[in-house]
Amino acid sequence: MAVRAQMELGGEPAARATVTRFGNVPINGQIKRWAVTSAPAEHAEILGRWELFNNMRTLAALAAFGLLIVLAVRGLRPVTHPEHDRADKS
Protein backbone atom coordinates (compact mmCIF):
# COMPACT_ATOMS: atom_id res chain seq x y z
CA MET A 1 0.00 0.00 0.00
CA ALA A 2 2.77 2.48 0.90
CA VAL A 3 4.65 1.97 -2.37
CA ARG A 4 1.44 2.29 -4.36
CA ALA A 5 0.56 5.49 -2.50
CA GLN A 6 4.00 6.93 -3.22
CA MET A 7 3.59 6.10 -6.90
CA GLU A 8 0.13 7.71 -6.98
CA LEU A 9 1.45 10.86 -5.30
CA GLY A 10 4.02 11.30 -8.03
CA GLY A 11 6.09 14.43 -7.72
CA GLU A 12 4.23 16.08 -4.85
CA PRO A 13 7.09 15.76 -2.32
CA ALA A 14 9.52 17.04 -4.95
CA ALA A 15 7.24 19.99 -5.67
CA ARG A 16 7.10 20.91 -1.99
CA ALA A 17 10.86 20.59 -1.63
CA THR A 18 11.44 22.76 -4.71
CA VAL A 19 9.10 25.50 -3.49
CA THR A 20 10.78 25.39 -0.08
CA ARG A 21 14.34 25.44 -1.45
CA PHE A 22 13.88 28.14 -4.07
CA GLY A 23 11.02 30.11 -2.50
CA ASN A 24 10.99 30.13 1.28
CA VAL A 25 14.66 29.46 2.09
CA PRO A 26 16.07 32.51 0.25
CA ILE A 27 13.46 34.73 1.87
CA ASN A 28 14.30 33.23 5.27
CA GLY A 29 17.91 34.29 4.66
CA GLN A 30 16.77 37.86 4.00
CA ILE A 31 14.64 37.88 7.15
CA LYS A 32 17.58 36.66 9.26
CA ARG A 33 19.59 39.69 8.13
CA TRP A 34 16.82 41.96 9.41
CA ALA A 35 17.70 40.93 12.96
CA VAL A 36 21.13 42.51 12.49
CA THR A 37 19.99 45.47 10.43
CA SER A 38 16.54 46.97 10.02
CA ALA A 39 13.78 45.66 7.78
CA PRO A 40 13.79 47.14 4.27
CA ALA A 41 11.03 49.40 3.03
CA GLU A 42 9.56 46.58 0.93
CA HIS A 43 9.46 44.12 3.85
CA ALA A 44 5.68 43.69 3.56
CA GLU A 45 6.07 42.60 -0.08
CA ILE A 46 8.82 40.13 0.87
CA LEU A 47 6.69 38.66 3.66
CA GLY A 48 3.78 38.43 1.22
CA ARG A 49 5.92 36.38 -1.18
CA TRP A 50 7.00 34.12 1.69
CA GLU A 51 3.36 33.59 2.62
CA LEU A 52 2.47 32.77 -1.00
CA PHE A 53 5.18 30.10 -1.12
CA ASN A 54 4.05 28.75 2.24
CA ASN A 55 0.45 28.55 1.03
CA MET A 56 1.61 26.65 -2.08
CA ARG A 57 3.44 24.12 0.12
CA THR A 58 0.42 23.79 2.40
CA LEU A 59 -1.96 23.18 -0.50
CA ALA A 60 0.39 20.57 -1.97
CA ALA A 61 0.57 18.78 1.39
CA LEU A 62 -3.22 18.89 1.81
CA ALA A 63 -3.72 17.52 -1.71
CA ALA A 64 -1.30 14.70 -0.99
CA PHE A 65 -3.05 13.92 2.31
CA GLY A 66 -6.43 13.88 0.57
CA LEU A 67 -5.09 11.52 -2.08
CA LEU A 68 -3.72 9.21 0.62
CA ILE A 69 -7.14 9.10 2.25
CA VAL A 70 -8.78 8.27 -1.08
CA LEU A 71 -6.23 5.53 -1.73
CA ALA A 72 -6.67 4.09 1.77
CA VAL A 73 -10.46 4.01 1.48
CA ARG A 74 -10.32 2.58 -2.02
CA GLY A 75 -7.87 -0.07 -0.83
CA LEU A 76 -10.32 -1.28 1.85
CA ARG A 77 -12.91 -2.55 -0.60
CA PRO A 78 -12.49 -4.36 -3.90
CA VAL A 79 -13.25 -2.46 -7.07
CA THR A 80 -15.89 -4.26 -9.11
CA HIS A 81 -16.74 -3.73 -12.74
CA PRO A 82 -20.26 -5.09 -13.38
CA GLU A 83 -19.91 -4.86 -17.16
CA HIS A 84 -16.86 -7.14 -17.03
CA ASP A 85 -18.61 -9.61 -14.71
CA ARG A 86 -21.51 -10.00 -17.18
CA ALA A 87 -19.13 -10.57 -20.08
CA ASP A 88 -17.32 -13.35 -18.20
CA LYS A 89 -20.57 -15.24 -17.44
CA SER A 90 -21.86 -15.40 -21.02
PDB file of N, CA and C in Angstrom:
ATOM      1  N   MET A   1       0.822  -1.195   0.000  1.00  0.00           N
ATOM      2  CA  MET A   1       0.000   0.000   0.000  1.00  0.00           C
ATOM      3  C   MET A   1       0.865   1.259   0.000  1.00  0.00           C
ATOM      4  N   ALA A   2       1.933   1.278   0.796  1.00  0.00           N
ATOM      5  CA  ALA A   2       2.768   2.478   0.896  1.00  0.00           C
ATOM      6  C   ALA A   2       3.463   2.781  -0.428  1.00  0.00           C
ATOM      7  N   VAL A   3       3.965   1.745  -1.092  1.00  0.00           N
ATOM      8  CA  VAL A   3       4.647   1.965  -2.366  1.00  0.00           C
ATOM      9  C   VAL A   3       3.656   2.459  -3.404  1.00  0.00           C
ATOM     10  N   ARG A   4       2.472   1.864  -3.412  1.00  0.00           N
ATOM     11  CA  ARG A   4       1.439   2.293  -4.362  1.00  0.00           C
ATOM     12  C   ARG A   4       1.053   3.743  -4.106  1.00  0.00           C
ATOM     13  N   ALA A   5       0.918   4.102  -2.840  1.00  0.00           N
ATOM     14  CA  ALA A   5       0.562   5.485  -2.503  1.00  0.00           C
ATOM     15  C   ALA A   5       1.645   6.448  -2.957  1.00  0.00           C
ATOM     16  N   GLN A   6       2.904   6.069  -2.771  1.00  0.00           N
ATOM     17  CA  GLN A   6       4.000   6.928  -3.220  1.00  0.00           C
ATOM     18  C   GLN A   6       3.971   7.090  -4.727  1.00  0.00           C
ATOM     19  N   MET A   7       3.657   6.011  -5.445  1.00  0.00           N
ATOM     20  CA  MET A   7       3.586   6.096  -6.901  1.00  0.00           C
ATOM     21  C   MET A   7       2.437   6.995  -7.330  1.00  0.00           C
ATOM     22  N   GLU A   8       1.292   6.883  -6.641  1.00  0.00           N
ATOM     23  CA  GLU A   8       0.135   7.708  -6.976  1.00  0.00           C
ATOM     24  C   GLU A   8       0.398   9.186  -6.699  1.00  0.00           C
ATOM     25  N   LEU A   9       1.164   9.469  -5.652  1.00  0.00           N
ATOM     26  CA  LEU A   9       1.446  10.859  -5.297  1.00  0.00           C
ATOM     27  C   LEU A   9       2.379  11.525  -6.293  1.00  0.00           C
ATOM     28  N   GLY A  10       3.150  10.753  -6.994  1.00  0.00           N
ATOM     29  CA  GLY A  10       4.015  11.298  -8.025  1.00  0.00           C
ATOM     30  C   GLY A  10       5.035  12.272  -7.492  1.00  0.00           C
ATOM     31  N   GLY A  11       5.063  13.465  -8.061  1.00  0.00           N
ATOM     32  CA  GLY A  11       6.092  14.428  -7.722  1.00  0.00           C
ATOM     33  C   GLY A  11       5.717  15.406  -6.634  1.00  0.00           C
ATOM     34  N   GLU A  12       4.668  15.129  -5.879  1.00  0.00           N
ATOM     35  CA  GLU A  12       4.234  16.080  -4.855  1.00  0.00           C
ATOM     36  C   GLU A  12       5.327  16.403  -3.842  1.00  0.00           C
ATOM     37  N   PRO A  13       6.021  15.401  -3.269  1.00  0.00           N
ATOM     38  CA  PRO A  13       7.094  15.757  -2.324  1.00  0.00           C
ATOM     39  C   PRO A  13       8.197  16.583  -2.987  1.00  0.00           C
ATOM     40  N   ALA A  14       8.504  16.274  -4.226  1.00  0.00           N
ATOM     41  CA  ALA A  14       9.522  17.038  -4.946  1.00  0.00           C
ATOM     42  C   ALA A  14       9.053  18.471  -5.180  1.00  0.00           C
ATOM     43  N   ALA A  15       7.775  18.643  -5.455  1.00  0.00           N
ATOM     44  CA  ALA A  15       7.244  19.985  -5.675  1.00  0.00           C
ATOM     45  C   ALA A  15       7.345  20.814  -4.395  1.00  0.00           C
ATOM     46  N   ARG A  16       6.992  20.190  -3.258  1.00  0.00           N
ATOM     47  CA  ARG A  16       7.096  20.915  -1.989  1.00  0.00           C
ATOM     48  C   ARG A  16       8.538  21.274  -1.676  1.00  0.00           C
ATOM     49  N   ALA A  17       9.445  20.334  -1.919  1.00  0.00           N
ATOM     50  CA  ALA A  17      10.861  20.593  -1.634  1.00  0.00           C
ATOM     51  C   ALA A  17      11.401  21.702  -2.528  1.00  0.00           C
ATOM     52  N   THR A  18      10.982  21.726  -3.778  1.00  0.00           N
ATOM     53  CA  THR A  18      11.441  22.759  -4.715  1.00  0.00           C
ATOM     54  C   THR A  18      10.936  24.131  -4.291  1.00  0.00           C
ATOM     55  N   VAL A  19       9.659  24.214  -3.932  1.00  0.00           N
ATOM     56  CA  VAL A  19       9.098  25.499  -3.486  1.00  0.00           C
ATOM     57  C   VAL A  19       9.824  25.965  -2.231  1.00  0.00           C
ATOM     58  N   THR A  20      10.086  25.028  -1.316  1.00  0.00           N
ATOM     59  CA  THR A  20      10.784  25.388  -0.084  1.00  0.00           C
ATOM     60  C   THR A  20      12.187  25.886  -0.378  1.00  0.00           C
ATOM     61  N   ARG A  21      12.925  25.122  -1.181  1.00  0.00           N
ATOM     62  CA  ARG A  21      14.337  25.444  -1.447  1.00  0.00           C
ATOM     63  C   ARG A  21      14.508  26.758  -2.195  1.00  0.00           C
ATOM     64  N   PHE A  22      13.691  26.974  -3.219  1.00  0.00           N
ATOM     65  CA  PHE A  22      13.882  28.142  -4.069  1.00  0.00           C
ATOM     66  C   PHE A  22      12.914  29.288  -3.767  1.00  0.00           C
ATOM     67  N   GLY A  23      11.962  29.055  -2.873  1.00  0.00           N
ATOM     68  CA  GLY A  23      11.022  30.105  -2.498  1.00  0.00           C
ATOM     69  C   GLY A  23      11.235  30.593  -1.080  1.00  0.00           C
ATOM     70  N   ASN A  24      10.946  29.724  -0.125  1.00  0.00           N
ATOM     71  CA  ASN A  24      10.989  30.129   1.282  1.00  0.00           C
ATOM     72  C   ASN A  24      12.404  30.308   1.823  1.00  0.00           C
ATOM     73  N   VAL A  25      13.319  29.414   1.500  1.00  0.00           N
ATOM     74  CA  VAL A  25      14.660  29.465   2.094  1.00  0.00           C
ATOM     75  C   VAL A  25      15.392  30.769   1.765  1.00  0.00           C
ATOM     76  N   PRO A  26      15.402  31.216   0.512  1.00  0.00           N
ATOM     77  CA  PRO A  26      16.071  32.507   0.249  1.00  0.00           C
ATOM     78  C   PRO A  26      15.431  33.679   1.011  1.00  0.00           C
ATOM     79  N   ILE A  27      14.121  33.658   1.129  1.00  0.00           N
ATOM     80  CA  ILE A  27      13.456  34.729   1.869  1.00  0.00           C
ATOM     81  C   ILE A  27      13.804  34.623   3.349  1.00  0.00           C
ATOM     82  N   ASN A  28      13.893  33.401   3.869  1.00  0.00           N
ATOM     83  CA  ASN A  28      14.299  33.229   5.268  1.00  0.00           C
ATOM     84  C   ASN A  28      15.677  33.836   5.513  1.00  0.00           C
ATOM     85  N   GLY A  29      16.578  33.688   4.540  1.00  0.00           N
ATOM     86  CA  GLY A  29      17.906  34.293   4.657  1.00  0.00           C
ATOM     87  C   GLY A  29      17.835  35.815   4.745  1.00  0.00           C
ATOM     88  N   GLN A  30      16.953  36.402   3.947  1.00  0.00           N
ATOM     89  CA  GLN A  30      16.774  37.856   4.004  1.00  0.00           C
ATOM     90  C   GLN A  30      16.241  38.283   5.369  1.00  0.00           C
ATOM     91  N   ILE A  31      15.262  37.528   5.866  1.00  0.00           N
ATOM     92  CA  ILE A  31      14.641  37.877   7.145  1.00  0.00           C
ATOM     93  C   ILE A  31      15.652  37.774   8.279  1.00  0.00           C
ATOM     94  N   LYS A  32      16.552  36.794   8.223  1.00  0.00           N
ATOM     95  CA  LYS A  32      17.582  36.660   9.264  1.00  0.00           C
ATOM     96  C   LYS A  32      18.482  37.889   9.312  1.00  0.00           C
ATOM     97  N   ARG A  33      18.753  38.481   8.162  1.00  0.00           N
ATOM     98  CA  ARG A  33      19.593  39.686   8.135  1.00  0.00           C
ATOM     99  C   ARG A  33      18.884  40.879   8.769  1.00  0.00           C
ATOM    100  N   TRP A  34      17.558  40.858   8.804  1.00  0.00           N
ATOM    101  CA  TRP A  34      16.818  41.961   9.409  1.00  0.00           C
ATOM    102  C   TRP A  34      17.076  42.040  10.903  1.00  0.00           C
ATOM    103  N   ALA A  35      17.427  40.920  11.522  1.00  0.00           N
ATOM    104  CA  ALA A  35      17.695  40.935  12.960  1.00  0.00           C
ATOM    105  C   ALA A  35      18.945  41.757  13.261  1.00  0.00           C
ATOM    106  N   VAL A  36      19.886  41.768  12.323  1.00  0.00           N
ATOM    107  CA  VAL A  36      21.132  42.512  12.494  1.00  0.00           C
ATOM    108  C   VAL A  36      20.943  43.957  12.047  1.00  0.00           C
ATOM    109  N   THR A  37      20.250  44.124  10.954  1.00  0.00           N
ATOM    110  CA  THR A  37      19.986  45.473  10.432  1.00  0.00           C
ATOM    111  C   THR A  37      18.509  45.788  10.663  1.00  0.00           C
ATOM    112  N   SER A  38      17.973  46.697   9.924  1.00  0.00           N
ATOM    113  CA  SER A  38      16.536  46.966  10.021  1.00  0.00           C
ATOM    114  C   SER A  38      15.841  46.393   8.789  1.00  0.00           C
ATOM    115  N   ALA A  39      14.554  46.193   8.897  1.00  0.00           N
ATOM    116  CA  ALA A  39      13.782  45.664   7.784  1.00  0.00           C
ATOM    117  C   ALA A  39      13.752  46.682   6.649  1.00  0.00           C
ATOM    118  N   PRO A  40      13.824  46.206   5.393  1.00  0.00           N
ATOM    119  CA  PRO A  40      13.787  47.143   4.268  1.00  0.00           C
ATOM    120  C   PRO A  40      12.382  47.725   4.083  1.00  0.00           C
ATOM    121  N   ALA A  41      12.312  48.739   3.274  1.00  0.00           N
ATOM    122  CA  ALA A  41      11.029  49.404   3.034  1.00  0.00           C
ATOM    123  C   ALA A  41      10.005  48.445   2.421  1.00  0.00           C
ATOM    124  N   GLU A  42      10.476  47.506   1.610  1.00  0.00           N
ATOM    125  CA  GLU A  42       9.559  46.576   0.935  1.00  0.00           C
ATOM    126  C   GLU A  42       9.361  45.275   1.732  1.00  0.00           C
ATOM    127  N   HIS A  43       9.557  45.341   3.042  1.00  0.00           N
ATOM    128  CA  HIS A  43       9.463  44.116   3.854  1.00  0.00           C
ATOM    129  C   HIS A  43       8.084  43.469   3.785  1.00  0.00           C
ATOM    130  N   ALA A  44       7.033  44.254   3.650  1.00  0.00           N
ATOM    131  CA  ALA A  44       5.684  43.685   3.558  1.00  0.00           C
ATOM    132  C   ALA A  44       5.534  42.857   2.282  1.00  0.00           C
ATOM    133  N   GLU A  45       6.115  43.338   1.188  1.00  0.00           N
ATOM    134  CA  GLU A  45       6.066  42.596  -0.077  1.00  0.00           C
ATOM    135  C   GLU A  45       6.843  41.276   0.049  1.00  0.00           C
ATOM    136  N   ILE A  46       7.999  41.332   0.687  1.00  0.00           N
ATOM    137  CA  ILE A  46       8.821  40.131   0.874  1.00  0.00           C
ATOM    138  C   ILE A  46       8.073  39.111   1.729  1.00  0.00           C
ATOM    139  N   LEU A  47       7.467  39.566   2.808  1.00  0.00           N
ATOM    140  CA  LEU A  47       6.685  38.657   3.658  1.00  0.00           C
ATOM    141  C   LEU A  47       5.477  38.102   2.910  1.00  0.00           C
ATOM    142  N   GLY A  48       4.890  38.901   2.039  1.00  0.00           N
ATOM    143  CA  GLY A  48       3.777  38.425   1.217  1.00  0.00           C
ATOM    144  C   GLY A  48       4.205  37.304   0.281  1.00  0.00           C
ATOM    145  N   ARG A  49       5.392  37.447  -0.319  1.00  0.00           N
ATOM    146  CA  ARG A  49       5.923  36.380  -1.184  1.00  0.00           C
ATOM    147  C   ARG A  49       6.176  35.115  -0.376  1.00  0.00           C
ATOM    148  N   TRP A  50       6.744  35.280   0.839  1.00  0.00           N
ATOM    149  CA  TRP A  50       7.004  34.118   1.689  1.00  0.00           C
ATOM    150  C   TRP A  50       5.694  33.399   2.001  1.00  0.00           C
ATOM    151  N   GLU A  51       4.661  34.177   2.306  1.00  0.00           N
ATOM    152  CA  GLU A  51       3.362  33.591   2.622  1.00  0.00           C
ATOM    153  C   GLU A  51       2.767  32.876   1.415  1.00  0.00           C
ATOM    154  N   LEU A  52       2.943  33.427   0.223  1.00  0.00           N
ATOM    155  CA  LEU A  52       2.467  32.771  -0.996  1.00  0.00           C
ATOM    156  C   LEU A  52       3.138  31.410  -1.161  1.00  0.00           C
ATOM    157  N   PHE A  53       4.466  31.372  -1.012  1.00  0.00           N
ATOM    158  CA  PHE A  53       5.177  30.099  -1.124  1.00  0.00           C
ATOM    159  C   PHE A  53       4.726  29.124  -0.041  1.00  0.00           C
ATOM    160  N   ASN A  54       4.513  29.613   1.155  1.00  0.00           N
ATOM    161  CA  ASN A  54       4.052  28.753   2.238  1.00  0.00           C
ATOM    162  C   ASN A  54       2.660  28.187   1.944  1.00  0.00           C
ATOM    163  N   ASN A  55       1.782  29.016   1.399  1.00  0.00           N
ATOM    164  CA  ASN A  55       0.450  28.547   1.025  1.00  0.00           C
ATOM    165  C   ASN A  55       0.526  27.489  -0.067  1.00  0.00           C
ATOM    166  N   MET A  56       1.440  27.659  -1.021  1.00  0.00           N
ATOM    167  CA  MET A  56       1.615  26.654  -2.075  1.00  0.00           C
ATOM    168  C   MET A  56       2.041  25.315  -1.470  1.00  0.00           C
ATOM    169  N   ARG A  57       2.988  25.354  -0.541  1.00  0.00           N
ATOM    170  CA  ARG A  57       3.438  24.122   0.120  1.00  0.00           C
ATOM    171  C   ARG A  57       2.305  23.483   0.908  1.00  0.00           C
ATOM    172  N   THR A  58       1.522  24.306   1.599  1.00  0.00           N
ATOM    173  CA  THR A  58       0.419  23.787   2.403  1.00  0.00           C
ATOM    174  C   THR A  58      -0.633  23.123   1.521  1.00  0.00           C
ATOM    175  N   LEU A  59      -0.983  23.760   0.411  1.00  0.00           N
ATOM    176  CA  LEU A  59      -1.964  23.178  -0.504  1.00  0.00           C
ATOM    177  C   LEU A  59      -1.456  21.872  -1.100  1.00  0.00           C
ATOM    178  N   ALA A  60      -0.175  21.806  -1.435  1.00  0.00           N
ATOM    179  CA  ALA A  60       0.389  20.566  -1.967  1.00  0.00           C
ATOM    180  C   ALA A  60       0.325  19.454  -0.922  1.00  0.00           C
ATOM    181  N   ALA A  61       0.631  19.787   0.318  1.00  0.00           N
ATOM    182  CA  ALA A  61       0.572  18.784   1.390  1.00  0.00           C
ATOM    183  C   ALA A  61      -0.866  18.325   1.630  1.00  0.00           C
ATOM    184  N   LEU A  62      -1.817  19.250   1.617  1.00  0.00           N
ATOM    185  CA  LEU A  62      -3.219  18.886   1.810  1.00  0.00           C
ATOM    186  C   LEU A  62      -3.729  18.018   0.664  1.00  0.00           C
ATOM    187  N   ALA A  63      -3.326  18.345  -0.564  1.00  0.00           N
ATOM    188  CA  ALA A  63      -3.722  17.523  -1.711  1.00  0.00           C
ATOM    189  C   ALA A  63      -3.160  16.115  -1.586  1.00  0.00           C
ATOM    190  N   ALA A  64      -1.911  16.012  -1.168  1.00  0.00           N
ATOM    191  CA  ALA A  64      -1.297  14.698  -0.987  1.00  0.00           C
ATOM    192  C   ALA A  64      -2.010  13.914   0.114  1.00  0.00           C
ATOM    193  N   PHE A  65      -2.343  14.578   1.213  1.00  0.00           N
ATOM    194  CA  PHE A  65      -3.047  13.922   2.309  1.00  0.00           C
ATOM    195  C   PHE A  65      -4.422  13.437   1.852  1.00  0.00           C
ATOM    196  N   GLY A  66      -5.127  14.275   1.108  1.00  0.00           N
ATOM    197  CA  GLY A  66      -6.429  13.877   0.572  1.00  0.00           C
ATOM    198  C   GLY A  66      -6.317  12.676  -0.347  1.00  0.00           C
ATOM    199  N   LEU A  67      -5.298  12.658  -1.182  1.00  0.00           N
ATOM    200  CA  LEU A  67      -5.089  11.524  -2.077  1.00  0.00           C
ATOM    201  C   LEU A  67      -4.774  10.262  -1.287  1.00  0.00           C
ATOM    202  N   LEU A  68      -3.998  10.379  -0.227  1.00  0.00           N
ATOM    203  CA  LEU A  68      -3.716   9.214   0.618  1.00  0.00           C
ATOM    204  C   LEU A  68      -4.991   8.670   1.250  1.00  0.00           C
ATOM    205  N   ILE A  69      -5.869   9.549   1.679  1.00  0.00           N
ATOM    206  CA  ILE A  69      -7.140   9.102   2.252  1.00  0.00           C
ATOM    207  C   ILE A  69      -7.958   8.358   1.204  1.00  0.00           C
ATOM    208  N   VAL A  70      -8.036   8.922   0.002  1.00  0.00           N
ATOM    209  CA  VAL A  70      -8.780   8.269  -1.080  1.00  0.00           C
ATOM    210  C   VAL A  70      -8.188   6.901  -1.372  1.00  0.00           C
ATOM    211  N   LEU A  71      -6.870   6.814  -1.456  1.00  0.00           N
ATOM    212  CA  LEU A  71      -6.229   5.525  -1.735  1.00  0.00           C
ATOM    213  C   LEU A  71      -6.466   4.526  -0.606  1.00  0.00           C
ATOM    214  N   ALA A  72      -6.438   4.990   0.631  1.00  0.00           N
ATOM    215  CA  ALA A  72      -6.668   4.095   1.767  1.00  0.00           C
ATOM    216  C   ALA A  72      -8.097   3.570   1.759  1.00  0.00           C
ATOM    217  N   VAL A  73      -9.058   4.438   1.500  1.00  0.00           N
ATOM    218  CA  VAL A  73     -10.463   4.015   1.479  1.00  0.00           C
ATOM    219  C   VAL A  73     -10.705   3.086   0.298  1.00  0.00           C
ATOM    220  N   ARG A  74     -10.140   3.411  -0.838  1.00  0.00           N
ATOM    221  CA  ARG A  74     -10.317   2.578  -2.019  1.00  0.00           C
ATOM    222  C   ARG A  74      -9.665   1.214  -1.814  1.00  0.00           C
ATOM    223  N   GLY A  75      -8.569   1.179  -1.067  1.00  0.00           N
ATOM    224  CA  GLY A  75      -7.874  -0.074  -0.830  1.00  0.00           C
ATOM    225  C   GLY A  75      -8.604  -0.990   0.135  1.00  0.00           C
ATOM    226  N   LEU A  76      -9.586  -0.472   0.881  1.00  0.00           N
ATOM    227  CA  LEU A  76     -10.315  -1.279   1.848  1.00  0.00           C
ATOM    228  C   LEU A  76     -11.408  -2.126   1.221  1.00  0.00           C
ATOM    229  N   ARG A  77     -11.855  -1.766   0.040  1.00  0.00           N
ATOM    230  CA  ARG A  77     -12.910  -2.549  -0.601  1.00  0.00           C
ATOM    231  C   ARG A  77     -12.506  -2.844  -2.040  1.00  0.00           C
ATOM    232  N   PRO A  78     -12.872  -4.018  -2.530  1.00  0.00           N
ATOM    233  CA  PRO A  78     -12.493  -4.358  -3.904  1.00  0.00           C
ATOM    234  C   PRO A  78     -13.268  -3.512  -4.906  1.00  0.00           C
ATOM    235  N   VAL A  79     -12.618  -3.198  -5.982  1.00  0.00           N
ATOM    236  CA  VAL A  79     -13.255  -2.462  -7.065  1.00  0.00           C
ATOM    237  C   VAL A  79     -13.903  -3.479  -7.982  1.00  0.00           C
ATOM    238  N   THR A  80     -15.194  -3.320  -8.231  1.00  0.00           N
ATOM    239  CA  THR A  80     -15.894  -4.257  -9.115  1.00  0.00           C
ATOM    240  C   THR A  80     -16.310  -3.524 -10.377  1.00  0.00           C
ATOM    241  N   HIS A  81     -16.327  -4.261 -11.436  1.00  0.00           N
ATOM    242  CA  HIS A  81     -16.738  -3.732 -12.735  1.00  0.00           C
ATOM    243  C   HIS A  81     -17.863  -4.620 -13.246  1.00  0.00           C
ATOM    244  N   PRO A  82     -19.134  -4.236 -13.003  1.00  0.00           N
ATOM    245  CA  PRO A  82     -20.258  -5.095 -13.375  1.00  0.00           C
ATOM    246  C   PRO A  82     -20.272  -5.459 -14.853  1.00  0.00           C
ATOM    247  N   GLU A  83     -19.880  -4.555 -15.721  1.00  0.00           N
ATOM    248  CA  GLU A  83     -19.908  -4.864 -17.156  1.00  0.00           C
ATOM    249  C   GLU A  83     -18.929  -5.981 -17.502  1.00  0.00           C
ATOM    250  N   HIS A  84     -17.818  -6.064 -16.797  1.00  0.00           N
ATOM    251  CA  HIS A  84     -16.856  -7.142 -17.034  1.00  0.00           C
ATOM    252  C   HIS A  84     -17.364  -8.453 -16.455  1.00  0.00           C
ATOM    253  N   ASP A  85     -18.068  -8.393 -15.315  1.00  0.00           N
ATOM    254  CA  ASP A  85     -18.609  -9.606 -14.707  1.00  0.00           C
ATOM    255  C   ASP A  85     -19.648 -10.260 -15.618  1.00  0.00           C
ATOM    256  N   ARG A  86     -20.505  -9.454 -16.251  1.00  0.00           N
ATOM    257  CA  ARG A  86     -21.505  -9.999 -17.179  1.00  0.00           C
ATOM    258  C   ARG A  86     -20.853 -10.633 -18.385  1.00  0.00           C
ATOM    259  N   ALA A  87     -19.794 -10.035 -18.907  1.00  0.00           N
ATOM    260  CA  ALA A  87     -19.126 -10.569 -20.084  1.00  0.00           C
ATOM    261  C   ALA A  87     -18.472 -11.917 -19.774  1.00  0.00           C
ATOM    262  N   ASP A  88     -17.960 -12.090 -18.565  1.00  0.00           N
ATOM    263  CA  ASP A  88     -17.318 -13.349 -18.201  1.00  0.00           C
ATOM    264  C   ASP A  88     -18.320 -14.481 -18.055  1.00  0.00           C
ATOM    265  N   LYS A  89     -19.573 -14.202 -17.691  1.00  0.00           N
ATOM    266  CA  LYS A  89     -20.572 -15.238 -17.442  1.00  0.00           C
ATOM    267  C   LYS A  89     -21.236 -15.725 -18.718  1.00  0.00           C
ATOM    268  N   SER A  90     -21.146 -14.974 -19.793  1.00  0.00           N
ATOM    269  CA  SER A  90     -21.855 -15.400 -21.015  1.00  0.00           C
ATOM    270  C   SER A  90     -20.997 -16.259 -21.905  1.00  0.00           C
TER     271      SER A  90
END
